[in-house]
Amino acid sequence: MAALFRGRWLYINLVTLALAAFLFWWWQQEVQQTTESEAQWIPDYYLTHATISQYDEQGALSSNISAKRFTHIREFGTTDMLQPRFNIYLADTNAAWFGKADEGLILDSGAQINLMGNALVTNGPDVNRPFSLNSQSLRLFPKQNYAESDEQVNLVAKYSHLTGTGMQLTLDNQRLLFLHQVKGTHSMPRN
């Protein structure tokens, strides 16, 4: 009977030891995977109080963007920005667009710029047709001279004020399309 009892304990001890070894191996695998995924989120570089400029094929300045902080994450190909300010220069018309936001995200090496929180885009110094757009979220496509939003957008122009949900704007010809729930006022100046 004692041999049977010792055999059972030996078996139970071996099973317990094997289970403990398996659980320890599994725990180490989870810790390693967590560490690897956290390492992927580590920025490969950041810049503070910097300006990034982009030039066209002819060497003319096409845009620049400055921010309090740029944080680049190589694995995603994105750059986060804190309080971005930007200028987009249109080559054919010598016009410029300016803007700012609380936060921003650069995608595809500057092909798309997402602006979040108090986003403003304006052609400010345009004497003939000045206007400004405000929204909580805007997407800019500097190479295509295009901007869009799915959020509510407020337009303030020389004699107009419009509000709508969703917007598409072509920067070079100032063609603006509101998509939904458009409300506005227009006034003519008195002579």
Protein backbone atom coordinates (compact mmCIF):
# COMPACT_ATOMS: atom_id res chain seq x y z
CA MET A 1 0.00 0.00 0.00
CA ALA A 2 2.87 2.42 0.81
CA ALA A 3 4.41 1.83 -2.63
CA LEU A 4 1.08 2.61 -4.30
CA PHE A 5 0.74 5.73 -2.17
CA ARG A 6 4.30 6.85 -3.06
CA GLY A 7 3.65 6.15 -6.74
CA ARG A 8 0.55 8.36 -6.72
CA TRP A 9 2.39 11.24 -5.04
CA LEU A 10 5.23 10.87 -7.48
CA TYR A 11 2.76 11.08 -10.35
CA ILE A 12 0.95 14.08 -8.79
CA ASN A 13 4.27 15.83 -8.12
CA LEU A 14 5.43 15.25 -11.69
CA VAL A 15 2.16 16.55 -13.14
CA THR A 16 2.26 19.59 -10.82
CA LEU A 17 5.88 20.29 -11.74
CA ALA A 18 5.11 19.97 -15.47
CA LEU A 19 2.08 22.26 -15.10
CA ALA A 20 4.15 24.82 -13.18
CA ALA A 21 6.87 24.71 -15.87
CA PHE A 22 4.26 25.17 -18.61
CA LEU A 23 2.63 28.11 -16.82
CA PHE A 24 6.03 29.74 -16.26
CA TRP A 25 6.90 29.32 -19.98
CA TRP A 26 3.49 30.72 -21.02
CA TRP A 27 3.88 33.72 -18.67
CA GLN A 28 7.32 34.49 -20.13
CA GLN A 29 5.90 34.37 -23.65
CA GLU A 30 3.14 36.85 -22.67
CA VAL A 31 5.65 39.20 -21.03
CA GLN A 32 7.90 39.06 -24.11
CA GLN A 33 5.00 39.80 -26.47
CA THR A 34 3.85 42.71 -24.30
CA THR A 35 7.37 44.12 -24.19
CA GLU A 36 7.74 43.80 -27.98
CA SER A 37 4.41 45.53 -28.65
CA GLU A 38 5.27 48.33 -26.24
CA ALA A 39 8.63 48.73 -27.98
CA GLN A 40 6.82 49.28 -31.30
CA TRP A 41 5.10 52.35 -29.84
CA ILE A 42 8.34 54.00 -28.83
CA PRO A 43 9.05 57.04 -31.04
CA ASP A 44 12.20 56.79 -33.10
CA TYR A 45 12.66 60.57 -32.87
CA TYR A 46 10.95 63.74 -31.75
CA LEU A 47 11.51 67.43 -32.37
CA THR A 48 10.49 70.39 -30.25
CA HIS A 49 9.72 73.86 -31.60
CA ALA A 50 10.61 72.85 -35.15
CA THR A 51 9.47 73.59 -38.70
CA ILE A 52 9.26 71.09 -41.56
CA SER A 53 9.33 72.50 -45.11
CA GLN A 54 8.38 70.72 -48.34
CA TYR A 55 9.41 71.81 -51.83
CA ASP A 56 7.96 70.97 -55.24
CA GLU A 57 9.90 69.45 -58.16
CA GLN A 58 11.07 72.89 -59.31
CA GLY A 59 12.50 73.70 -55.87
CA ALA A 60 9.81 76.20 -54.85
CA LEU A 61 8.49 76.10 -51.30
CA SER A 62 5.11 74.33 -51.37
CA SER A 63 4.35 74.07 -47.64
CA ASN A 64 5.78 74.32 -44.18
CA ILE A 65 4.46 73.17 -40.86
CA SER A 66 5.69 74.07 -37.41
CA ALA A 67 4.69 72.64 -34.04
CA LYS A 68 5.62 72.71 -30.41
CA ARG A 69 6.45 69.02 -30.69
CA PHE A 70 6.74 66.46 -33.50
CA THR A 71 6.81 62.77 -32.50
CA HIS A 72 7.58 60.26 -35.28
CA ILE A 73 6.72 56.56 -34.98
CA ARG A 74 8.46 54.64 -37.74
CA GLU A 75 6.36 51.45 -37.49
CA PHE A 76 3.21 53.39 -38.37
CA GLY A 77 4.83 55.95 -40.67
CA THR A 78 3.13 58.75 -38.75
CA THR A 79 4.17 61.95 -37.01
CA ASP A 80 2.08 63.36 -34.16
CA MET A 81 2.11 67.13 -33.68
CA LEU A 82 1.28 69.35 -30.75
CA GLN A 83 -0.18 72.75 -31.69
CA PRO A 84 0.68 72.64 -35.41
CA ARG A 85 0.75 75.78 -37.56
CA PHE A 86 1.02 75.46 -41.33
CA ASN A 87 1.32 77.38 -44.59
CA ILE A 88 0.44 75.94 -47.99
CA TYR A 89 1.69 77.94 -50.98
CA LEU A 90 -0.09 77.51 -54.31
CA ALA A 91 2.42 77.78 -57.14
CA ASP A 92 0.10 78.75 -59.99
CA THR A 93 -1.77 81.54 -58.23
CA ASN A 94 0.81 82.88 -55.76
CA ALA A 95 -1.87 82.41 -53.09
CA ALA A 96 -1.27 81.00 -49.63
CA TRP A 97 -3.39 79.16 -47.07
CA PHE A 98 -2.67 79.19 -43.37
CA GLY A 99 -3.95 77.14 -40.50
CA LYS A 100 -3.60 75.81 -37.01
CA ALA A 101 -5.03 73.23 -34.61
CA ASP A 102 -4.56 71.84 -31.12
CA GLU A 103 -3.15 68.54 -32.43
CA GLY A 104 -2.20 67.05 -35.76
CA LEU A 105 -1.09 63.85 -37.43
CA ILE A 106 1.07 63.64 -40.56
CA LEU A 107 0.49 60.53 -42.70
CA ASP A 108 2.28 59.23 -45.80
CA SER A 109 5.26 61.62 -45.54
CA GLY A 110 3.05 64.69 -45.64
CA ALA A 111 0.54 63.56 -48.26
CA GLN A 112 -2.23 63.81 -45.63
CA ILE A 113 -2.37 65.99 -42.52
CA ASN A 114 -5.15 65.42 -39.99
CA LEU A 115 -5.94 68.40 -37.76
CA MET A 116 -7.87 67.85 -34.54
CA GLY A 117 -9.25 70.30 -31.99
CA ASN A 118 -10.03 73.91 -32.90
CA ALA A 119 -8.79 73.46 -36.47
CA LEU A 120 -8.65 76.63 -38.55
CA VAL A 121 -7.88 77.02 -42.26
CA THR A 122 -7.85 80.47 -43.86
CA ASN A 123 -6.72 82.23 -47.00
CA GLY A 124 -6.39 85.32 -44.79
CA PRO A 125 -4.54 87.82 -46.96
CA ASP A 126 -6.72 87.21 -50.04
CA VAL A 127 -8.25 90.66 -50.58
CA ASN A 128 -10.91 89.63 -53.10
CA ARG A 129 -12.37 86.48 -51.52
CA PRO A 130 -11.11 86.03 -47.95
CA PHE A 131 -12.60 83.29 -45.82
CA SER A 132 -11.84 81.09 -42.84
CA LEU A 133 -13.01 77.58 -41.93
CA ASN A 134 -13.28 76.32 -38.35
CA SER A 135 -13.94 72.72 -37.31
CA GLN A 136 -12.98 70.19 -34.67
CA SER A 137 -11.48 67.94 -37.34
CA LEU A 138 -10.03 68.66 -40.80
CA ARG A 139 -8.01 66.57 -43.25
CA LEU A 140 -5.57 68.39 -45.53
CA PHE A 141 -4.00 66.99 -48.68
CA PRO A 142 -1.32 69.60 -49.49
CA LYS A 143 -0.09 68.00 -52.73
CA GLN A 144 -3.63 67.98 -54.13
CA ASN A 145 -4.53 71.44 -52.73
CA TYR A 146 -7.56 69.87 -51.08
CA ALA A 147 -9.19 69.83 -47.62
CA GLU A 148 -12.18 67.95 -46.22
CA SER A 149 -14.08 67.27 -43.03
CA ASP A 150 -16.86 65.02 -41.77
CA GLU A 151 -17.54 67.26 -38.75
CA GLN A 152 -19.49 70.49 -38.42
CA VAL A 153 -17.66 73.31 -40.23
CA ASN A 154 -18.13 77.06 -39.83
CA LEU A 155 -17.27 79.32 -42.75
CA VAL A 156 -16.72 83.03 -42.25
CA ALA A 157 -16.31 84.96 -45.49
CA LYS A 158 -16.33 88.64 -46.38
CA TYR A 159 -20.13 88.90 -46.51
CA SER A 160 -21.25 85.38 -45.51
CA HIS A 161 -21.41 83.04 -42.58
CA LEU A 162 -22.23 79.36 -43.26
CA THR A 163 -22.43 76.28 -41.07
CA GLY A 164 -22.67 72.72 -42.35
CA THR A 165 -21.77 69.14 -41.57
CA GLY A 166 -19.14 67.71 -43.87
CA MET A 167 -17.13 69.83 -46.29
CA GLN A 168 -14.89 69.54 -49.33
CA LEU A 169 -12.62 72.43 -50.33
CA THR A 170 -10.35 72.81 -53.34
CA LEU A 171 -7.75 75.34 -52.26
CA ASP A 172 -6.51 76.62 -55.62
CA ASN A 173 -9.93 77.75 -56.93
CA GLN A 174 -11.67 78.10 -53.53
CA ARG A 175 -14.43 75.71 -54.58
CA LEU A 176 -16.30 74.79 -51.39
CA LEU A 177 -18.97 72.14 -51.03
CA PHE A 178 -20.93 71.65 -47.80
CA LEU A 179 -22.45 68.16 -47.62
CA HIS A 180 -25.29 68.25 -45.03
CA GLN A 181 -27.40 70.56 -42.84
CA VAL A 182 -26.23 73.84 -44.32
CA LYS A 183 -27.37 77.06 -42.69
CA GLY A 184 -26.11 80.53 -43.39
CA THR A 185 -26.47 84.23 -43.79
CA HIS A 186 -25.29 86.56 -46.50
CA SER A 187 -25.23 90.34 -46.37
CA MET A 188 -24.33 92.94 -48.98
CA PRO A 189 -22.36 96.02 -48.00
CA ARG A 190 -24.08 99.38 -48.06
CA ASN A 191 -22.60 101.94 -50.42
